């Protein structure tokens, strides 16, 4: 399972999600199939974090959203 972060230059926004298949999920986002991201096409994969279980995925996704995606990236990987 993966927690992933996408970025849309079109909207200047991040999106956080979870999946078992990153390649297929990114394709669905960029085809406009996912309602919450269809207005930001194209989306670029910024970060993917693999975790061992669904429960860990849910905890990490919630933590990222609560902190704010940009802050989470900056805190762990950035400036």
N, C-alpha and C. Protein backbone atom coordinates (compact mmCIF):
# COMPACT_ATOMS: atom_id res chain seq x y z
N UNK A 1 0.84 -1.18 0.00
CA UNK A 1 0.00 0.00 0.00
C UNK A 1 0.89 1.25 0.00
N UNK A 2 0.38 2.28 -0.62
CA UNK A 2 1.11 3.53 -0.72
C UNK A 2 0.24 4.71 -0.32
N UNK A 3 0.86 5.69 0.30
CA UNK A 3 0.29 7.02 0.43
C UNK A 3 1.03 7.83 -0.62
N UNK A 4 0.29 8.62 -1.39
CA UNK A 4 0.93 9.38 -2.45
C UNK A 4 0.48 10.84 -2.41
N UNK A 5 1.36 11.70 -2.93
CA UNK A 5 1.06 13.13 -3.02
C UNK A 5 1.22 13.54 -4.47
N UNK A 6 0.18 14.18 -4.98
CA UNK A 6 0.19 14.70 -6.34
C UNK A 6 0.22 16.23 -6.29
N UNK A 7 0.70 16.82 -7.38
CA UNK A 7 0.68 18.28 -7.47
C UNK A 7 0.15 18.68 -8.84
N UNK A 8 -0.71 19.70 -8.85
CA UNK A 8 -1.26 20.25 -10.09
C UNK A 8 -0.75 21.67 -10.26
N UNK A 9 0.02 21.89 -11.31
CA UNK A 9 0.46 23.26 -11.61
C UNK A 9 -0.73 24.11 -12.05
N UNK A 10 -1.68 23.48 -12.72
CA UNK A 10 -2.90 24.17 -13.18
C UNK A 10 -3.63 24.84 -12.02
N UNK A 11 -3.74 24.13 -10.90
CA UNK A 11 -4.47 24.65 -9.73
C UNK A 11 -3.56 25.11 -8.60
N UNK A 12 -2.26 24.86 -8.72
CA UNK A 12 -1.30 25.14 -7.64
C UNK A 12 -1.75 24.47 -6.34
N UNK A 13 -2.13 23.21 -6.46
CA UNK A 13 -2.66 22.46 -5.32
C UNK A 13 -2.02 21.08 -5.22
N UNK A 14 -2.01 20.58 -3.99
CA UNK A 14 -1.58 19.21 -3.71
C UNK A 14 -2.81 18.34 -3.47
N UNK A 15 -2.62 17.04 -3.68
CA UNK A 15 -3.67 16.07 -3.39
C UNK A 15 -3.00 14.88 -2.71
N UNK A 16 -3.59 14.38 -1.65
CA UNK A 16 -3.07 13.22 -0.93
C UNK A 16 -4.06 12.08 -1.08
N UNK A 17 -3.53 10.89 -1.37
CA UNK A 17 -4.39 9.73 -1.50
C UNK A 17 -3.66 8.46 -1.11
N UNK A 18 -4.36 7.35 -1.26
CA UNK A 18 -3.78 6.04 -0.95
C UNK A 18 -4.20 5.04 -2.01
N UNK A 19 -3.32 4.09 -2.27
CA UNK A 19 -3.60 3.08 -3.29
C UNK A 19 -2.63 1.92 -3.16
N UNK A 20 -2.95 0.83 -3.82
CA UNK A 20 -2.03 -0.30 -3.93
C UNK A 20 -1.32 -0.25 -5.27
N UNK A 21 -1.85 0.52 -6.22
CA UNK A 21 -1.29 0.58 -7.58
C UNK A 21 -1.12 2.04 -8.02
N UNK A 22 0.06 2.58 -7.77
CA UNK A 22 0.33 3.99 -8.06
C UNK A 22 0.14 4.33 -9.53
N UNK A 23 0.71 3.51 -10.40
CA UNK A 23 0.66 3.79 -11.84
C UNK A 23 -0.78 3.91 -12.34
N UNK A 24 -1.62 2.96 -11.98
CA UNK A 24 -3.02 2.98 -12.40
C UNK A 24 -3.78 4.15 -11.78
N UNK A 25 -3.50 4.43 -10.52
CA UNK A 25 -4.21 5.52 -9.83
C UNK A 25 -3.86 6.88 -10.45
N UNK A 26 -2.58 7.11 -10.75
CA UNK A 26 -2.16 8.36 -11.38
C UNK A 26 -2.83 8.50 -12.75
N UNK A 27 -2.91 7.40 -13.47
CA UNK A 27 -3.57 7.41 -14.78
C UNK A 27 -5.04 7.83 -14.63
N UNK A 28 -5.73 7.28 -13.64
CA UNK A 28 -7.13 7.62 -13.40
C UNK A 28 -7.30 9.10 -13.05
N UNK A 29 -6.39 9.62 -12.23
CA UNK A 29 -6.44 11.06 -11.89
C UNK A 29 -6.29 11.90 -13.16
N UNK A 30 -5.34 11.56 -14.00
CA UNK A 30 -5.04 12.36 -15.18
C UNK A 30 -6.03 12.17 -16.33
N UNK A 31 -6.84 11.13 -16.27
CA UNK A 31 -7.91 10.96 -17.25
C UNK A 31 -9.18 11.69 -16.82
N UNK A 32 -9.17 12.25 -15.62
CA UNK A 32 -10.34 12.98 -15.13
C UNK A 32 -11.43 12.09 -14.56
N UNK A 33 -11.08 10.86 -14.24
CA UNK A 33 -12.06 9.89 -13.72
C UNK A 33 -12.37 10.15 -12.24
N UNK A 34 -11.39 10.67 -11.51
CA UNK A 34 -11.56 10.92 -10.07
C UNK A 34 -12.16 12.32 -9.90
N UNK A 35 -13.39 12.40 -9.39
CA UNK A 35 -14.09 13.70 -9.30
C UNK A 35 -13.31 14.79 -8.56
N UNK A 36 -12.64 14.44 -7.48
CA UNK A 36 -11.97 15.46 -6.68
C UNK A 36 -10.71 16.03 -7.33
N UNK A 37 -10.21 15.39 -8.38
CA UNK A 37 -8.99 15.89 -9.03
C UNK A 37 -9.18 16.19 -10.51
N UNK A 38 -10.39 16.07 -11.01
CA UNK A 38 -10.56 16.20 -12.45
C UNK A 38 -10.30 17.61 -12.96
N UNK A 39 -10.42 18.63 -12.12
CA UNK A 39 -10.18 19.99 -12.59
C UNK A 39 -8.71 20.39 -12.57
N UNK A 40 -7.83 19.55 -12.05
CA UNK A 40 -6.43 19.93 -11.94
C UNK A 40 -5.49 19.25 -12.91
N UNK A 41 -6.02 18.55 -13.88
CA UNK A 41 -5.21 17.78 -14.82
C UNK A 41 -4.25 18.70 -15.56
N UNK A 42 -3.01 18.33 -15.76
CA UNK A 42 -2.36 17.08 -15.36
C UNK A 42 -1.79 17.15 -13.93
N UNK A 43 -1.81 16.00 -13.27
CA UNK A 43 -1.25 15.87 -11.94
C UNK A 43 0.10 15.18 -12.05
N UNK A 44 1.05 15.63 -11.23
CA UNK A 44 2.37 15.01 -11.19
C UNK A 44 2.57 14.35 -9.84
N UNK A 45 3.14 13.15 -9.88
CA UNK A 45 3.45 12.44 -8.64
C UNK A 45 4.66 13.10 -7.99
N UNK A 46 4.47 13.60 -6.78
CA UNK A 46 5.52 14.31 -6.05
C UNK A 46 6.20 13.37 -5.05
N UNK A 47 5.41 12.52 -4.42
CA UNK A 47 5.94 11.66 -3.36
C UNK A 47 5.09 10.41 -3.24
N UNK A 48 5.75 9.29 -3.01
CA UNK A 48 5.03 8.07 -2.67
C UNK A 48 5.74 7.42 -1.50
N UNK A 49 4.96 6.97 -0.52
CA UNK A 49 5.52 6.35 0.68
C UNK A 49 4.85 4.99 0.82
N UNK A 50 5.66 3.95 0.81
CA UNK A 50 5.12 2.60 0.96
C UNK A 50 5.01 2.24 2.43
N UNK A 51 3.87 1.67 2.81
CA UNK A 51 3.66 1.19 4.18
C UNK A 51 3.14 -0.23 4.12
N UNK A 52 3.18 -0.91 5.25
CA UNK A 52 2.90 -2.34 5.26
C UNK A 52 1.43 -2.72 5.33
N UNK A 53 0.60 -1.87 5.89
CA UNK A 53 -0.80 -2.27 6.08
C UNK A 53 -1.75 -1.12 5.77
N UNK A 54 -2.99 -1.48 5.57
CA UNK A 54 -4.03 -0.49 5.31
C UNK A 54 -4.19 0.46 6.49
N UNK A 55 -4.11 -0.07 7.69
CA UNK A 55 -4.26 0.80 8.87
C UNK A 55 -3.12 1.82 8.94
N UNK A 56 -1.90 1.43 8.60
CA UNK A 56 -0.79 2.38 8.58
C UNK A 56 -0.99 3.44 7.50
N UNK A 57 -1.53 3.03 6.35
CA UNK A 57 -1.82 3.96 5.27
C UNK A 57 -2.80 5.02 5.74
N UNK A 58 -3.85 4.59 6.41
CA UNK A 58 -4.87 5.52 6.86
C UNK A 58 -4.32 6.50 7.90
N UNK A 59 -3.47 6.03 8.81
CA UNK A 59 -2.87 6.89 9.83
C UNK A 59 -1.96 7.92 9.16
N UNK A 60 -1.11 7.48 8.24
CA UNK A 60 -0.18 8.40 7.59
C UNK A 60 -0.92 9.42 6.72
N UNK A 61 -1.91 8.98 5.97
CA UNK A 61 -2.69 9.91 5.14
C UNK A 61 -3.36 10.98 6.01
N UNK A 62 -3.95 10.57 7.11
CA UNK A 62 -4.61 11.50 8.02
C UNK A 62 -3.59 12.49 8.61
N UNK A 63 -2.41 11.98 8.98
CA UNK A 63 -1.37 12.84 9.55
C UNK A 63 -0.90 13.89 8.55
N UNK A 64 -0.73 13.49 7.28
CA UNK A 64 -0.31 14.43 6.24
C UNK A 64 -1.37 15.49 6.03
N UNK A 65 -2.62 15.08 5.93
CA UNK A 65 -3.71 16.04 5.70
C UNK A 65 -3.86 17.00 6.88
N UNK A 66 -3.70 16.49 8.09
CA UNK A 66 -3.83 17.33 9.27
C UNK A 66 -2.71 18.37 9.34
N UNK A 67 -1.51 17.97 9.02
CA UNK A 67 -0.35 18.87 9.05
C UNK A 67 -0.39 19.86 7.90
N UNK A 68 -0.94 19.43 6.77
CA UNK A 68 -0.90 20.22 5.55
C UNK A 68 0.18 19.62 4.65
N UNK A 69 -0.15 19.40 3.41
CA UNK A 69 0.76 18.69 2.51
C UNK A 69 2.08 19.43 2.34
N UNK A 70 1.99 20.72 2.05
CA UNK A 70 3.22 21.50 1.83
C UNK A 70 4.11 21.48 3.06
N UNK A 71 3.52 21.66 4.24
CA UNK A 71 4.29 21.63 5.49
C UNK A 71 4.91 20.25 5.73
N UNK A 72 4.14 19.19 5.45
CA UNK A 72 4.65 17.84 5.63
C UNK A 72 5.87 17.61 4.74
N UNK A 73 5.78 18.01 3.48
CA UNK A 73 6.90 17.84 2.54
C UNK A 73 8.10 18.65 3.02
N UNK A 74 7.88 19.90 3.39
CA UNK A 74 8.98 20.75 3.86
C UNK A 74 9.62 20.19 5.12
N UNK A 75 8.79 19.71 6.07
CA UNK A 75 9.31 19.17 7.33
C UNK A 75 10.17 17.93 7.12
N UNK A 76 9.76 17.07 6.20
CA UNK A 76 10.43 15.78 6.05
C UNK A 76 11.44 15.71 4.90
N UNK A 77 11.27 16.55 3.90
CA UNK A 77 12.11 16.40 2.72
C UNK A 77 12.67 17.71 2.19
N UNK A 78 12.24 18.83 2.77
CA UNK A 78 12.53 20.12 2.17
C UNK A 78 13.54 20.96 2.91
N UNK A 79 13.32 22.20 2.74
CA UNK A 79 14.23 23.26 3.17
C UNK A 79 14.52 23.25 4.65
